[in-house]
Amino acid sequence: MFFKSYIPERDDRNVIMELNICTGEKTIGFKNPATGKTENAVIVRTQNDIESFYREYKLMNTKKFKV
């Protein structure tokens, strides 16, 4: 059986940042509107991690995420 993998639309509307309240770990990624899950998540340690995420997916950083 084959499943279609979710390929995020390259739109900054779907970019979200999540914070784990237990460990304090921050991740940034795309939210899949169909399932509500975060896809292509990257751990954020510095502001440079956020900027490199936007560069990698060729998006404009319109949201003001801070570390």
PDB file of N, CA and C in Angstrom:
ATOM      1  N   MET A   1       0.842  -1.164   0.000  1.00  0.00           N
ATOM      2  CA  MET A   1       0.000   0.000   0.000  1.00  0.00           C
ATOM      3  C   MET A   1       0.897   1.240   0.000  1.00  0.00           C
ATOM      4  N   PHE A   2       0.580   2.216  -0.834  1.00  0.00           N
ATOM      5  CA  PHE A   2       1.385   3.416  -0.941  1.00  0.00           C
ATOM      6  C   PHE A   2       0.639   4.596  -0.339  1.00  0.00           C
ATOM      7  N   PHE A   3       1.376   5.438   0.321  1.00  0.00           N
ATOM      8  CA  PHE A   3       0.800   6.639   0.923  1.00  0.00           C
ATOM      9  C   PHE A   3       1.465   7.852   0.314  1.00  0.00           C
ATOM     10  N   LYS A   4       0.701   8.906   0.137  1.00  0.00           N
ATOM     11  CA  LYS A   4       1.277  10.158  -0.330  1.00  0.00           C
ATOM     12  C   LYS A   4       1.925  10.868   0.848  1.00  0.00           C
ATOM     13  N   SER A   5       3.155  11.281   0.679  1.00  0.00           N
ATOM     14  CA  SER A   5       3.793  12.039   1.741  1.00  0.00           C
ATOM     15  C   SER A   5       3.391  13.498   1.610  1.00  0.00           C
ATOM     16  N   TYR A   6       3.356  14.161   2.724  1.00  0.00           N
ATOM     17  CA  TYR A   6       2.958  15.568   2.735  1.00  0.00           C
ATOM     18  C   TYR A   6       4.119  16.426   2.277  1.00  0.00           C
ATOM     19  N   ILE A   7       3.907  17.192   1.232  1.00  0.00           N
ATOM     20  CA  ILE A   7       4.898  18.149   0.751  1.00  0.00           C
ATOM     21  C   ILE A   7       4.337  19.534   1.056  1.00  0.00           C
ATOM     22  N   PRO A   8       4.986  20.274   1.957  1.00  0.00           N
ATOM     23  CA  PRO A   8       4.408  21.547   2.364  1.00  0.00           C
ATOM     24  C   PRO A   8       4.395  22.562   1.226  1.00  0.00           C
ATOM     25  N   GLU A   9       3.329  23.333   1.187  1.00  0.00           N
ATOM     26  CA  GLU A   9       3.310  24.446   0.251  1.00  0.00           C
ATOM     27  C   GLU A   9       4.313  25.460   0.775  1.00  0.00           C
ATOM     28  N   ARG A  10       5.042  26.025  -0.119  1.00  0.00           N
ATOM     29  CA  ARG A  10       6.072  26.966   0.328  1.00  0.00           C
ATOM     30  C   ARG A  10       5.440  28.324   0.567  1.00  0.00           C
ATOM     31  N   ASP A  11       4.803  28.415   1.685  1.00  0.00           N
ATOM     32  CA  ASP A  11       4.070  29.609   2.048  1.00  0.00           C
ATOM     33  C   ASP A  11       4.283  29.819   3.540  1.00  0.00           C
ATOM     34  N   ASP A  12       4.604  31.031   3.947  1.00  0.00           N
ATOM     35  CA  ASP A  12       4.898  31.250   5.362  1.00  0.00           C
ATOM     36  C   ASP A  12       3.660  31.212   6.241  1.00  0.00           C
ATOM     37  N   ARG A  13       2.459  31.050   5.665  1.00  0.00           N
ATOM     38  CA  ARG A  13       1.262  30.884   6.485  1.00  0.00           C
ATOM     39  C   ARG A  13       1.325  29.589   7.274  1.00  0.00           C
ATOM     40  N   ASN A  14       1.969  28.588   6.732  1.00  0.00           N
ATOM     41  CA  ASN A  14       2.022  27.277   7.361  1.00  0.00           C
ATOM     42  C   ASN A  14       3.204  27.110   8.306  1.00  0.00           C
ATOM     43  N   VAL A  15       4.063  28.106   8.436  1.00  0.00           N
ATOM     44  CA  VAL A  15       5.234  27.997   9.295  1.00  0.00           C
ATOM     45  C   VAL A  15       4.810  28.237  10.743  1.00  0.00           C
ATOM     46  N   ILE A  16       5.177  27.285  11.605  1.00  0.00           N
ATOM     47  CA  ILE A  16       4.870  27.443  13.023  1.00  0.00           C
ATOM     48  C   ILE A  16       6.113  27.145  13.854  1.00  0.00           C
ATOM     49  N   MET A  17       6.138  27.700  15.057  1.00  0.00           N
ATOM     50  CA  MET A  17       7.200  27.390  16.002  1.00  0.00           C
ATOM     51  C   MET A  17       6.537  26.769  17.221  1.00  0.00           C
ATOM     52  N   GLU A  18       7.081  25.656  17.664  1.00  0.00           N
ATOM     53  CA  GLU A  18       6.547  24.960  18.824  1.00  0.00           C
ATOM     54  C   GLU A  18       7.581  24.942  19.937  1.00  0.00           C
ATOM     55  N   LEU A  19       7.091  24.977  21.174  1.00  0.00           N
ATOM     56  CA  LEU A  19       7.950  24.946  22.345  1.00  0.00           C
ATOM     57  C   LEU A  19       7.520  23.778  23.219  1.00  0.00           C
ATOM     58  N   ASN A  20       8.447  22.919  23.558  1.00  0.00           N
ATOM     59  CA  ASN A  20       8.177  21.807  24.457  1.00  0.00           C
ATOM     60  C   ASN A  20       8.289  22.345  25.873  1.00  0.00           C
ATOM     61  N   ILE A  21       7.201  22.292  26.637  1.00  0.00           N
ATOM     62  CA  ILE A  21       7.230  22.888  27.972  1.00  0.00           C
ATOM     63  C   ILE A  21       8.035  22.066  28.968  1.00  0.00           C
ATOM     64  N   CYS A  22       8.263  20.804  28.682  1.00  0.00           N
ATOM     65  CA  CYS A  22       9.047  19.965  29.588  1.00  0.00           C
ATOM     66  C   CYS A  22      10.546  20.216  29.435  1.00  0.00           C
ATOM     67  N   THR A  23      11.013  20.257  28.194  1.00  0.00           N
ATOM     68  CA  THR A  23      12.449  20.372  27.948  1.00  0.00           C
ATOM     69  C   THR A  23      12.877  21.770  27.519  1.00  0.00           C
ATOM     70  N   GLY A  24      11.924  22.594  27.090  1.00  0.00           N
ATOM     71  CA  GLY A  24      12.262  23.925  26.605  1.00  0.00           C
ATOM     72  C   GLY A  24      12.763  23.924  25.173  1.00  0.00           C
ATOM     73  N   GLU A  25      12.697  22.777  24.514  1.00  0.00           N
ATOM     74  CA  GLU A  25      13.173  22.663  23.138  1.00  0.00           C
ATOM     75  C   GLU A  25      12.211  23.370  22.181  1.00  0.00           C
ATOM     76  N   LYS A  26      12.776  24.174  21.281  1.00  0.00           N
ATOM     77  CA  LYS A  26      11.974  24.881  20.285  1.00  0.00           C
ATOM     78  C   LYS A  26      12.224  24.266  18.921  1.00  0.00           C
ATOM     79  N   THR A  27      11.137  24.117  18.145  1.00  0.00           N
ATOM     80  CA  THR A  27      11.253  23.633  16.778  1.00  0.00           C
ATOM     81  C   THR A  27      10.460  24.551  15.865  1.00  0.00           C
ATOM     82  N   ILE A  28      10.906  24.631  14.620  1.00  0.00           N
ATOM     83  CA  ILE A  28      10.193  25.395  13.613  1.00  0.00           C
ATOM     84  C   ILE A  28       9.956  24.449  12.440  1.00  0.00           C
ATOM     85  N   GLY A  29       8.771  24.551  11.839  1.00  0.00           N
ATOM     86  CA  GLY A  29       8.437  23.669  10.735  1.00  0.00           C
ATOM     87  C   GLY A  29       7.137  24.086  10.072  1.00  0.00           C
ATOM     88  N   PHE A  30       6.627  23.227   9.215  1.00  0.00           N
ATOM     89  CA  PHE A  30       5.379  23.482   8.499  1.00  0.00           C
ATOM     90  C   PHE A  30       4.256  22.702   9.165  1.00  0.00           C
ATOM     91  N   LYS A  31       3.117  23.322   9.349  1.00  0.00           N
ATOM     92  CA  LYS A  31       1.953  22.639   9.899  1.00  0.00           C
ATOM     93  C   LYS A  31       1.110  22.091   8.760  1.00  0.00           C
ATOM     94  N   ASN A  32       0.847  20.794   8.812  1.00  0.00           N
ATOM     95  CA  ASN A  32       0.001  20.141   7.830  1.00  0.00           C
ATOM     96  C   ASN A  32      -1.449  20.430   8.217  1.00  0.00           C
ATOM     97  N   PRO A  33      -2.179  21.200   7.387  1.00  0.00           N
ATOM     98  CA  PRO A  33      -3.552  21.556   7.759  1.00  0.00           C
ATOM     99  C   PRO A  33      -4.496  20.360   7.807  1.00  0.00           C
ATOM    100  N   ALA A  34      -4.196  19.297   7.087  1.00  0.00           N
ATOM    101  CA  ALA A  34      -5.071  18.132   7.068  1.00  0.00           C
ATOM    102  C   ALA A  34      -4.973  17.323   8.363  1.00  0.00           C
ATOM    103  N   THR A  35      -3.756  17.181   8.894  1.00  0.00           N
ATOM    104  CA  THR A  35      -3.557  16.348  10.081  1.00  0.00           C
ATOM    105  C   THR A  35      -3.245  17.151  11.334  1.00  0.00           C
ATOM    106  N   GLY A  36      -2.796  18.390  11.171  1.00  0.00           N
ATOM    107  CA  GLY A  36      -2.415  19.201  12.320  1.00  0.00           C
ATOM    108  C   GLY A  36      -1.026  18.903  12.839  1.00  0.00           C
ATOM    109  N   LYS A  37      -0.293  18.032  12.149  1.00  0.00           N
ATOM    110  CA  LYS A  37       1.059  17.672  12.585  1.00  0.00           C
ATOM    111  C   LYS A  37       2.089  18.614  11.987  1.00  0.00           C
ATOM    112  N   THR A  38       3.224  18.711  12.665  1.00  0.00           N
ATOM    113  CA  THR A  38       4.331  19.531  12.181  1.00  0.00           C
ATOM    114  C   THR A  38       5.234  18.667  11.318  1.00  0.00           C
ATOM    115  N   GLU A  39       5.542  19.147  10.109  1.00  0.00           N
ATOM    116  CA  GLU A  39       6.398  18.424   9.169  1.00  0.00           C
ATOM    117  C   GLU A  39       7.680  19.229   8.942  1.00  0.00           C
ATOM    118  N   ASN A  40       8.744  18.546   8.592  1.00  0.00           N
ATOM    119  CA  ASN A  40      10.034  19.163   8.287  1.00  0.00           C
ATOM    120  C   ASN A  40      10.511  20.045   9.443  1.00  0.00           C
ATOM    121  N   ALA A  41      10.368  19.568  10.656  1.00  0.00           N
ATOM    122  CA  ALA A  41      10.726  20.354  11.833  1.00  0.00           C
ATOM    123  C   ALA A  41      12.243  20.417  12.009  1.00  0.00           C
ATOM    124  N   VAL A  42      12.705  21.569  12.459  1.00  0.00           N
ATOM    125  CA  VAL A  42      14.126  21.807  12.708  1.00  0.00           C
ATOM    126  C   VAL A  42      14.258  22.355  14.125  1.00  0.00           C
ATOM    127  N   ILE A  43      15.223  21.851  14.879  1.00  0.00           N
ATOM    128  CA  ILE A  43      15.458  22.356  16.231  1.00  0.00           C
ATOM    129  C   ILE A  43      16.065  23.752  16.150  1.00  0.00           C
ATOM    130  N   VAL A  44      15.545  24.658  16.976  1.00  0.00           N
ATOM    131  CA  VAL A  44      16.006  26.043  16.981  1.00  0.00           C
ATOM    132  C   VAL A  44      16.801  26.295  18.251  1.00  0.00           C
ATOM    133  N   ARG A  45      18.049  26.693  18.073  1.00  0.00           N
ATOM    134  CA  ARG A  45      18.888  27.048  19.213  1.00  0.00           C
ATOM    135  C   ARG A  45      19.250  28.528  19.197  1.00  0.00           C
ATOM    136  N   THR A  46      19.390  29.087  17.992  1.00  0.00           N
ATOM    137  CA  THR A  46      19.732  30.505  17.864  1.00  0.00           C
ATOM    138  C   THR A  46      18.852  31.140  16.790  1.00  0.00           C
ATOM    139  N   GLN A  47      18.908  32.450  16.711  1.00  0.00           N
ATOM    140  CA  GLN A  47      18.162  33.170  15.686  1.00  0.00           C
ATOM    141  C   GLN A  47      18.642  32.779  14.278  1.00  0.00           C
ATOM    142  N   ASN A  48      19.908  32.407  14.149  1.00  0.00           N
ATOM    143  CA  ASN A  48      20.447  31.972  12.858  1.00  0.00           C
ATOM    144  C   ASN A  48      19.769  30.708  12.355  1.00  0.00           C
ATOM    145  N   ASP A  49      19.341  29.824  13.266  1.00  0.00           N
ATOM    146  CA  ASP A  49      18.620  28.612  12.855  1.00  0.00           C
ATOM    147  C   ASP A  49      17.300  28.972  12.186  1.00  0.00           C
ATOM    148  N   ILE A  50      16.614  29.973  12.701  1.00  0.00           N
ATOM    149  CA  ILE A  50      15.354  30.425  12.109  1.00  0.00           C
ATOM    150  C   ILE A  50      15.597  31.015  10.733  1.00  0.00           C
ATOM    151  N   GLU A  51      16.610  31.855  10.625  1.00  0.00           N
ATOM    152  CA  GLU A  51      16.928  32.486   9.345  1.00  0.00           C
ATOM    153  C   GLU A  51      17.348  31.449   8.301  1.00  0.00           C
ATOM    154  N   SER A  52      18.112  30.443   8.705  1.00  0.00           N
ATOM    155  CA  SER A  52      18.534  29.420   7.742  1.00  0.00           C
ATOM    156  C   SER A  52      17.348  28.558   7.314  1.00  0.00           C
ATOM    157  N   PHE A  53      16.372  28.334   8.193  1.00  0.00           N
ATOM    158  CA  PHE A  53      15.162  27.603   7.820  1.00  0.00           C
ATOM    159  C   PHE A  53      14.420  28.347   6.709  1.00  0.00           C
ATOM    160  N   TYR A  54      14.259  29.648   6.856  1.00  0.00           N
ATOM    161  CA  TYR A  54      13.570  30.439   5.835  1.00  0.00           C
ATOM    162  C   TYR A  54      14.362  30.469   4.522  1.00  0.00           C
ATOM    163  N   ARG A  55      15.693  30.556   4.612  1.00  0.00           N
ATOM    164  CA  ARG A  55      16.508  30.536   3.400  1.00  0.00           C
ATOM    165  C   ARG A  55      16.417  29.192   2.690  1.00  0.00           C
ATOM    166  N   GLU A  56      16.428  28.108   3.442  1.00  0.00           N
ATOM    167  CA  GLU A  56      16.385  26.766   2.863  1.00  0.00           C
ATOM    168  C   GLU A  56      15.113  26.548   2.038  1.00  0.00           C
ATOM    169  N   TYR A  57      13.982  27.061   2.518  1.00  0.00           N
ATOM    170  CA  TYR A  57      12.719  26.888   1.809  1.00  0.00           C
ATOM    171  C   TYR A  57      12.341  28.104   0.959  1.00  0.00           C
ATOM    172  N   LYS A  58      13.275  29.044   0.828  1.00  0.00           N
ATOM    173  CA  LYS A  58      13.092  30.229  -0.014  1.00  0.00           C
ATOM    174  C   LYS A  58      11.817  30.992   0.351  1.00  0.00           C
ATOM    175  N   LEU A  59      11.673  31.274   1.644  1.00  0.00           N
ATOM    176  CA  LEU A  59      10.530  32.018   2.158  1.00  0.00           C
ATOM    177  C   LEU A  59      10.994  33.361   2.684  1.00  0.00           C
ATOM    178  N   MET A  60      10.077  34.305   2.749  1.00  0.00           N
ATOM    179  CA  MET A  60      10.368  35.581   3.391  1.00  0.00           C
ATOM    180  C   MET A  60      10.003  35.461   4.859  1.00  0.00           C
ATOM    181  N   ASN A  61      10.863  35.937   5.728  1.00  0.00           N
ATOM    182  CA  ASN A  61      10.616  35.870   7.158  1.00  0.00           C
ATOM    183  C   ASN A  61       9.707  37.025   7.563  1.00  0.00           C
ATOM    184  N   THR A  62       8.393  36.815   7.473  1.00  0.00           N
ATOM    185  CA  THR A  62       7.443  37.868   7.826  1.00  0.00           C
ATOM    186  C   THR A  62       6.987  37.753   9.266  1.00  0.00           C
ATOM    187  N   LYS A  63       7.129  36.574   9.861  1.00  0.00           N
ATOM    188  CA  LYS A  63       6.773  36.392  11.266  1.00  0.00           C
ATOM    189  C   LYS A  63       7.983  36.697  12.123  1.00  0.00           C
ATOM    190  N   LYS A  64       7.744  37.262  13.246  1.00  0.00           N
ATOM    191  CA  LYS A  64       8.846  37.679  14.119  1.00  0.00           C
ATOM    192  C   LYS A  64       9.068  36.647  15.221  1.00  0.00           C
ATOM    193  N   PHE A  65       9.578  35.470  14.831  1.00  0.00           N
ATOM    194  CA  PHE A  65       9.929  34.454  15.814  1.00  0.00           C
ATOM    195  C   PHE A  65      11.212  34.870  16.503  1.00  0.00           C
ATOM    196  N   LYS A  66      11.232  34.724  17.824  1.00  0.00           N
ATOM    197  CA  LYS A  66      12.442  35.062  18.579  1.00  0.00           C
ATOM    198  C   LYS A  66      12.850  33.872  19.418  1.00  0.00           C
ATOM    199  N   VAL A  67      14.160  33.775  19.646  1.00  0.00           N
ATOM    200  CA  VAL A  67      14.705  32.676  20.437  1.00  0.00           C
ATOM    201  C   VAL A  67      14.764  33.098  21.874  1.00  0.00           C
TER     202      VAL A  67
END
